[in-house]
N, C-alpha and C. Protein backbone atom coordinates (compact mmCIF):
# COMPACT_ATOMS: atom_id res chain seq x y z
N MET A 1 88.88 90.79 87.90
CA MET A 1 87.84 91.35 88.71
C MET A 1 86.48 91.20 88.02
N CYS A 2 86.43 91.47 86.69
CA CYS A 2 85.17 91.34 85.96
C CYS A 2 84.67 89.91 85.98
N ALA A 3 85.56 88.95 85.84
CA ALA A 3 85.16 87.54 85.85
C ALA A 3 84.57 87.18 87.20
N ALA A 4 85.11 87.73 88.29
CA ALA A 4 84.60 87.43 89.62
C ALA A 4 83.19 88.00 89.79
N VAL A 5 82.97 89.21 89.27
CA VAL A 5 81.65 89.83 89.37
C VAL A 5 80.65 89.03 88.56
N LEU A 6 81.03 88.60 87.37
CA LEU A 6 80.14 87.79 86.54
C LEU A 6 79.84 86.46 87.21
N LEU A 7 80.83 85.85 87.83
CA LEU A 7 80.64 84.59 88.51
C LEU A 7 79.70 84.76 89.70
N ILE A 8 79.89 85.82 90.46
CA ILE A 8 79.00 86.08 91.60
C ILE A 8 77.60 86.38 91.10
N GLY A 9 77.49 87.19 90.02
CA GLY A 9 76.18 87.49 89.45
C GLY A 9 75.48 86.24 88.97
N SER A 10 76.23 85.31 88.38
CA SER A 10 75.65 84.06 87.91
C SER A 10 75.16 83.23 89.08
N THR A 11 75.92 83.23 90.15
CA THR A 11 75.54 82.47 91.34
C THR A 11 74.26 83.03 91.93
N VAL A 12 74.16 84.34 91.99
CA VAL A 12 72.96 84.97 92.54
C VAL A 12 71.76 84.62 91.67
N LEU A 13 71.92 84.69 90.36
CA LEU A 13 70.81 84.37 89.47
C LEU A 13 70.40 82.92 89.59
N VAL A 14 71.36 82.03 89.74
CA VAL A 14 71.05 80.61 89.90
C VAL A 14 70.29 80.42 91.20
N GLY A 15 70.65 81.17 92.22
CA GLY A 15 69.95 81.06 93.49
C GLY A 15 68.50 81.49 93.38
N CYS A 16 68.16 82.30 92.39
CA CYS A 16 66.79 82.77 92.21
C CYS A 16 65.98 81.86 91.29
N ALA A 17 66.61 80.86 90.73
CA ALA A 17 65.94 79.99 89.76
C ALA A 17 64.81 79.23 90.43
N ASP A 18 63.87 78.81 89.62
CA ASP A 18 62.72 78.04 90.08
C ASP A 18 63.19 76.74 90.72
N ASN A 19 62.69 76.44 91.89
CA ASN A 19 63.09 75.22 92.59
C ASN A 19 62.13 74.07 92.37
N GLY A 20 61.29 74.20 91.35
CA GLY A 20 60.37 73.11 91.03
C GLY A 20 59.03 73.22 91.73
N SER A 21 58.87 74.17 92.61
CA SER A 21 57.60 74.31 93.32
C SER A 21 56.82 75.48 92.75
N SER A 22 56.86 75.65 91.44
CA SER A 22 56.18 76.78 90.83
C SER A 22 54.67 76.59 90.90
N THR A 23 53.99 77.70 90.96
CA THR A 23 52.53 77.66 90.95
C THR A 23 52.07 77.91 89.53
N SER A 24 50.88 77.51 89.23
CA SER A 24 50.36 77.73 87.89
C SER A 24 50.08 79.22 87.70
N PRO A 25 50.07 79.68 86.45
CA PRO A 25 49.82 81.10 86.21
C PRO A 25 48.42 81.48 86.67
N PRO A 26 48.20 82.76 86.97
CA PRO A 26 46.87 83.17 87.40
C PRO A 26 45.86 82.93 86.28
N PRO A 27 44.62 82.63 86.64
CA PRO A 27 43.63 82.36 85.61
C PRO A 27 43.33 83.62 84.80
N ALA A 28 43.00 83.42 83.56
CA ALA A 28 42.62 84.53 82.69
C ALA A 28 41.28 85.08 83.16
N PRO A 29 41.03 86.36 82.93
CA PRO A 29 39.74 86.92 83.33
C PRO A 29 38.61 86.17 82.64
N ALA A 30 37.56 85.94 83.38
CA ALA A 30 36.41 85.23 82.82
C ALA A 30 35.67 86.15 81.86
N VAL A 31 35.21 85.60 80.77
CA VAL A 31 34.43 86.35 79.79
C VAL A 31 33.21 85.53 79.43
N ARG A 32 32.22 86.19 78.97
CA ARG A 32 31.04 85.49 78.50
C ARG A 32 31.26 85.11 77.04
N PRO A 33 30.64 84.03 76.59
CA PRO A 33 30.85 83.62 75.20
C PRO A 33 30.36 84.68 74.23
N SER A 34 30.99 84.73 73.08
CA SER A 34 30.57 85.69 72.07
C SER A 34 29.32 85.20 71.36
N ALA A 35 28.74 86.08 70.61
CA ALA A 35 27.48 85.78 69.94
C ALA A 35 27.69 84.74 68.84
N SER A 36 26.64 83.97 68.57
CA SER A 36 26.70 82.99 67.49
C SER A 36 25.35 82.92 66.80
N GLY A 37 25.32 82.36 65.60
CA GLY A 37 24.08 82.20 64.87
C GLY A 37 23.42 83.52 64.54
N THR A 38 22.09 83.61 64.79
CA THR A 38 21.36 84.82 64.48
C THR A 38 21.83 85.98 65.35
N ASN A 39 22.34 85.69 66.57
CA ASN A 39 22.89 86.75 67.41
C ASN A 39 24.08 87.39 66.71
N ALA A 40 24.89 86.59 66.05
CA ALA A 40 26.06 87.11 65.34
C ALA A 40 25.63 88.08 64.24
N GLU A 41 24.53 87.77 63.58
CA GLU A 41 24.02 88.67 62.55
C GLU A 41 23.58 89.99 63.15
N ALA A 42 22.92 89.94 64.30
CA ALA A 42 22.49 91.17 64.98
C ALA A 42 23.69 91.99 65.43
N VAL A 43 24.72 91.32 65.92
CA VAL A 43 25.94 92.01 66.34
C VAL A 43 26.61 92.67 65.13
N GLU A 44 26.75 91.95 64.05
CA GLU A 44 27.36 92.51 62.84
C GLU A 44 26.56 93.70 62.31
N ARG A 45 25.25 93.61 62.42
CA ARG A 45 24.40 94.72 61.98
C ARG A 45 24.66 95.96 62.85
N LEU A 46 24.78 95.74 64.18
CA LEU A 46 25.05 96.86 65.07
C LEU A 46 26.44 97.45 64.80
N VAL A 47 27.43 96.59 64.60
CA VAL A 47 28.78 97.07 64.26
C VAL A 47 28.71 97.95 63.02
N HIS A 48 28.01 97.48 62.00
CA HIS A 48 27.87 98.25 60.76
C HIS A 48 27.16 99.57 61.01
N ASP A 49 26.08 99.54 61.78
CA ASP A 49 25.31 100.76 62.04
C ASP A 49 26.12 101.80 62.81
N VAL A 50 26.85 101.35 63.84
CA VAL A 50 27.68 102.26 64.63
C VAL A 50 28.80 102.83 63.75
N GLU A 51 29.43 101.97 62.98
CA GLU A 51 30.50 102.41 62.10
C GLU A 51 30.00 103.44 61.08
N THR A 52 28.86 103.18 60.49
CA THR A 52 28.27 104.10 59.52
C THR A 52 27.93 105.44 60.17
N ALA A 53 27.33 105.39 61.35
CA ALA A 53 26.97 106.62 62.06
C ALA A 53 28.22 107.44 62.39
N LEU A 54 29.28 106.77 62.85
CA LEU A 54 30.51 107.49 63.19
C LEU A 54 31.21 108.04 61.95
N GLU A 55 31.24 107.26 60.87
CA GLU A 55 31.88 107.74 59.64
C GLU A 55 31.14 108.95 59.08
N THR A 56 29.81 108.92 59.15
CA THR A 56 29.02 110.07 58.71
C THR A 56 29.32 111.28 59.57
N MET A 57 29.42 111.07 60.87
CA MET A 57 29.72 112.15 61.79
C MET A 57 31.11 112.74 61.53
N VAL A 58 32.09 111.87 61.31
CA VAL A 58 33.47 112.32 61.07
C VAL A 58 33.55 113.15 59.79
N LYS A 59 32.77 112.78 58.78
CA LYS A 59 32.78 113.52 57.51
C LYS A 59 32.16 114.91 57.65
N SER A 60 31.20 115.05 58.55
CA SER A 60 30.49 116.32 58.65
C SER A 60 31.03 117.25 59.73
N GLU A 61 31.72 116.71 60.73
CA GLU A 61 32.25 117.53 61.81
C GLU A 61 33.39 116.80 62.50
N ALA A 62 34.19 117.52 63.24
CA ALA A 62 35.27 116.89 64.01
C ALA A 62 34.65 116.16 65.21
N VAL A 63 35.07 114.93 65.40
CA VAL A 63 34.60 114.16 66.55
C VAL A 63 35.61 114.37 67.67
N THR A 64 35.20 115.15 68.68
CA THR A 64 36.13 115.53 69.74
C THR A 64 35.64 115.19 71.14
N THR A 65 34.43 114.64 71.26
CA THR A 65 33.92 114.31 72.59
C THR A 65 33.35 112.91 72.61
N SER A 66 33.38 112.32 73.79
CA SER A 66 32.81 110.99 73.94
C SER A 66 31.29 111.03 73.79
N ASP A 67 30.68 112.19 74.04
CA ASP A 67 29.23 112.32 73.84
C ASP A 67 28.86 112.08 72.39
N GLN A 68 29.72 112.46 71.46
CA GLN A 68 29.46 112.22 70.04
C GLN A 68 29.47 110.72 69.74
N LEU A 69 30.37 109.98 70.36
CA LEU A 69 30.38 108.53 70.17
C LEU A 69 29.12 107.92 70.77
N ARG A 70 28.72 108.41 71.93
CA ARG A 70 27.49 107.92 72.56
C ARG A 70 26.29 108.16 71.63
N GLN A 71 26.26 109.31 70.98
CA GLN A 71 25.16 109.62 70.06
C GLN A 71 25.11 108.62 68.92
N ALA A 72 26.28 108.20 68.42
CA ALA A 72 26.31 107.22 67.33
C ALA A 72 25.74 105.88 67.79
N PHE A 73 26.07 105.47 69.02
CA PHE A 73 25.51 104.23 69.55
C PHE A 73 24.00 104.37 69.74
N GLU A 74 23.56 105.50 70.28
CA GLU A 74 22.12 105.71 70.49
C GLU A 74 21.38 105.72 69.16
N ALA A 75 21.95 106.38 68.15
CA ALA A 75 21.32 106.42 66.83
C ALA A 75 21.22 105.02 66.21
N SER A 76 22.08 104.12 66.67
CA SER A 76 22.07 102.74 66.17
C SER A 76 21.16 101.84 66.99
N GLY A 77 20.46 102.42 67.97
CA GLY A 77 19.47 101.66 68.74
C GLY A 77 19.94 101.13 70.08
N VAL A 78 21.12 101.54 70.55
CA VAL A 78 21.64 101.05 71.82
C VAL A 78 21.03 101.86 72.96
N ASP A 79 20.64 101.16 74.02
CA ASP A 79 20.11 101.81 75.22
C ASP A 79 21.18 102.74 75.79
N PRO A 80 20.88 104.02 75.97
CA PRO A 80 21.89 104.96 76.49
C PRO A 80 22.50 104.54 77.83
N ALA A 81 21.74 103.85 78.66
CA ALA A 81 22.25 103.42 79.96
C ALA A 81 23.33 102.34 79.83
N ALA A 82 23.39 101.67 78.68
CA ALA A 82 24.36 100.58 78.49
C ALA A 82 25.67 101.07 77.88
N ILE A 83 25.71 102.30 77.41
CA ILE A 83 26.89 102.79 76.70
C ILE A 83 27.97 103.23 77.69
N GLU A 84 29.17 102.74 77.47
CA GLU A 84 30.34 103.14 78.24
C GLU A 84 31.22 103.97 77.33
N SER A 85 31.91 104.97 77.90
CA SER A 85 32.78 105.80 77.05
C SER A 85 34.02 106.22 77.81
N SER A 86 35.06 106.50 77.03
CA SER A 86 36.31 106.97 77.62
C SER A 86 36.20 108.46 77.92
N LEU A 87 37.15 108.94 78.68
CA LEU A 87 37.21 110.37 78.96
C LEU A 87 37.70 111.10 77.71
N ASP A 88 37.26 112.35 77.53
CA ASP A 88 37.71 113.08 76.36
C ASP A 88 38.71 114.18 76.68
N ILE A 89 39.04 114.33 77.95
CA ILE A 89 40.05 115.28 78.39
C ILE A 89 40.96 114.57 79.39
N THR A 90 42.27 114.77 79.26
CA THR A 90 43.22 114.15 80.20
C THR A 90 43.15 114.89 81.54
N PRO A 91 43.70 114.29 82.59
CA PRO A 91 43.72 114.97 83.90
C PRO A 91 44.43 116.33 83.86
N THR A 92 45.28 116.53 82.86
CA THR A 92 45.98 117.82 82.75
C THR A 92 45.26 118.80 81.84
N GLY A 93 44.07 118.43 81.37
CA GLY A 93 43.26 119.33 80.56
C GLY A 93 43.51 119.26 79.06
N LEU A 94 44.28 118.30 78.60
CA LEU A 94 44.56 118.16 77.17
C LEU A 94 43.54 117.23 76.51
N GLU A 95 43.38 117.39 75.19
CA GLU A 95 42.53 116.46 74.45
C GLU A 95 43.21 115.09 74.41
N VAL A 96 42.43 114.02 74.43
CA VAL A 96 42.99 112.67 74.34
C VAL A 96 43.33 112.36 72.89
N ASP A 97 44.18 111.35 72.69
CA ASP A 97 44.58 110.95 71.34
C ASP A 97 43.46 110.20 70.61
N ALA A 98 42.64 109.49 71.38
CA ALA A 98 41.56 108.71 70.78
C ALA A 98 40.36 108.71 71.71
N LEU A 99 39.20 108.64 71.13
CA LEU A 99 37.95 108.52 71.88
C LEU A 99 37.43 107.10 71.69
N GLU A 100 36.89 106.52 72.76
CA GLU A 100 36.37 105.16 72.68
C GLU A 100 35.02 105.07 73.39
N ALA A 101 34.20 104.20 72.86
CA ALA A 101 32.91 103.91 73.47
C ALA A 101 32.59 102.45 73.20
N ALA A 102 31.74 101.89 74.05
CA ALA A 102 31.37 100.48 73.90
C ALA A 102 30.02 100.23 74.53
N ALA A 103 29.42 99.13 74.13
CA ALA A 103 28.17 98.70 74.73
C ALA A 103 28.06 97.18 74.63
N PRO A 104 27.67 96.53 75.73
CA PRO A 104 27.42 95.09 75.64
C PRO A 104 26.14 94.85 74.82
N PHE A 105 26.21 93.86 73.94
CA PHE A 105 25.07 93.56 73.08
C PHE A 105 25.14 92.10 72.67
N GLU A 106 24.08 91.35 72.98
CA GLU A 106 23.98 89.94 72.60
C GLU A 106 25.20 89.12 73.04
N GLY A 107 25.70 89.37 74.25
CA GLY A 107 26.80 88.57 74.78
C GLY A 107 28.18 88.97 74.32
N THR A 108 28.29 90.10 73.64
CA THR A 108 29.59 90.60 73.19
C THR A 108 29.63 92.11 73.37
N CYS A 109 30.79 92.69 73.29
CA CYS A 109 30.93 94.15 73.38
C CYS A 109 31.20 94.71 72.00
N VAL A 110 30.41 95.69 71.62
CA VAL A 110 30.68 96.42 70.40
C VAL A 110 31.51 97.63 70.81
N MET A 111 32.75 97.67 70.32
CA MET A 111 33.72 98.69 70.71
C MET A 111 33.98 99.62 69.53
N ALA A 112 33.98 100.93 69.78
CA ALA A 112 34.26 101.91 68.73
C ALA A 112 35.37 102.84 69.18
N GLN A 113 36.21 103.20 68.24
CA GLN A 113 37.30 104.14 68.50
C GLN A 113 37.40 105.11 67.34
N VAL A 114 37.60 106.40 67.69
CA VAL A 114 37.89 107.41 66.68
C VAL A 114 39.23 108.03 67.05
N ARG A 115 40.18 107.93 66.13
CA ARG A 115 41.53 108.47 66.31
C ARG A 115 41.93 109.14 65.00
N ASP A 116 42.29 110.40 65.08
CA ASP A 116 42.69 111.15 63.88
C ASP A 116 41.66 111.02 62.77
N GLU A 117 40.39 111.14 63.13
CA GLU A 117 39.27 111.06 62.20
C GLU A 117 39.15 109.72 61.49
N GLU A 118 39.77 108.69 62.03
CA GLU A 118 39.64 107.33 61.51
C GLU A 118 38.77 106.53 62.47
N VAL A 119 37.77 105.86 61.93
CA VAL A 119 36.81 105.10 62.72
C VAL A 119 37.16 103.62 62.69
N ASN A 120 37.17 103.00 63.86
CA ASN A 120 37.34 101.55 63.97
C ASN A 120 36.27 101.01 64.91
N VAL A 121 35.55 100.01 64.45
CA VAL A 121 34.53 99.37 65.27
C VAL A 121 34.77 97.87 65.21
N THR A 122 34.77 97.23 66.37
CA THR A 122 35.02 95.79 66.45
C THR A 122 34.24 95.21 67.61
N THR A 123 34.40 93.91 67.83
CA THR A 123 33.75 93.26 68.96
C THR A 123 34.80 92.59 69.84
N LEU A 124 34.50 92.55 71.11
CA LEU A 124 35.33 91.88 72.11
C LEU A 124 34.41 91.20 73.10
N PRO A 125 34.92 90.24 73.85
CA PRO A 125 34.07 89.58 74.85
C PRO A 125 33.65 90.54 75.96
N VAL A 126 32.48 90.29 76.49
CA VAL A 126 32.01 91.04 77.67
C VAL A 126 32.81 90.56 78.87
N LEU A 127 33.20 91.47 79.74
CA LEU A 127 33.92 91.11 80.95
C LEU A 127 32.98 90.44 81.94
N GLU A 128 33.53 89.74 82.90
CA GLU A 128 32.71 89.06 83.91
C GLU A 128 31.80 90.05 84.64
N SER A 129 32.21 91.29 84.76
CA SER A 129 31.42 92.33 85.41
C SER A 129 30.17 92.68 84.61
N GLY A 130 30.11 92.23 83.35
CA GLY A 130 29.00 92.59 82.48
C GLY A 130 29.27 93.86 81.69
N LEU A 131 30.43 94.47 81.93
CA LEU A 131 30.82 95.70 81.24
C LEU A 131 31.83 95.41 80.14
N CYS A 132 32.11 96.43 79.37
CA CYS A 132 33.09 96.30 78.30
C CYS A 132 34.42 96.94 78.68
N PHE A 133 34.39 97.99 79.47
CA PHE A 133 35.61 98.67 79.92
C PHE A 133 35.96 98.23 81.31
N ILE A 134 37.25 98.20 81.60
CA ILE A 134 37.70 98.04 82.98
C ILE A 134 37.63 99.44 83.56
N GLY A 135 36.80 99.62 84.54
CA GLY A 135 36.53 100.97 85.04
C GLY A 135 35.33 101.52 84.28
N ASP A 136 34.40 102.06 84.98
CA ASP A 136 33.14 102.46 84.37
C ASP A 136 33.10 103.97 84.19
N GLN A 137 33.03 104.43 82.96
CA GLN A 137 32.95 105.86 82.65
C GLN A 137 31.62 106.14 81.97
N ARG A 138 30.54 105.86 82.61
CA ARG A 138 29.22 106.09 81.98
C ARG A 138 28.87 107.53 82.01
């Protein structure tokens, strides 16, 4: 009986196999090119400034709100209207595990995360929308 079930299962799976008329995978999301040359230096300077501001903040107080991340970006010279941030409270009213903020700058996104008082700042490509986050939490 088990052999018959396996044989039938194999037949069903073979029936689902690609018949040669496969379509190509969906295109990757479009991104703008990252910074290069002197722009890269400006981006690295901003990454350093945001990281320094957040590390100073973490040493002096608990970072528990996205507004604090926004302040670090603003202190580093980022236009407040360009800063995107994650929510700092879950829909059930709990604190989130990590706070994130980002801002497009010189063709790239400067992304910052604070989790368990550890600061991480990096760069990622800007999305086709011109934003850094999928979904806008300004």
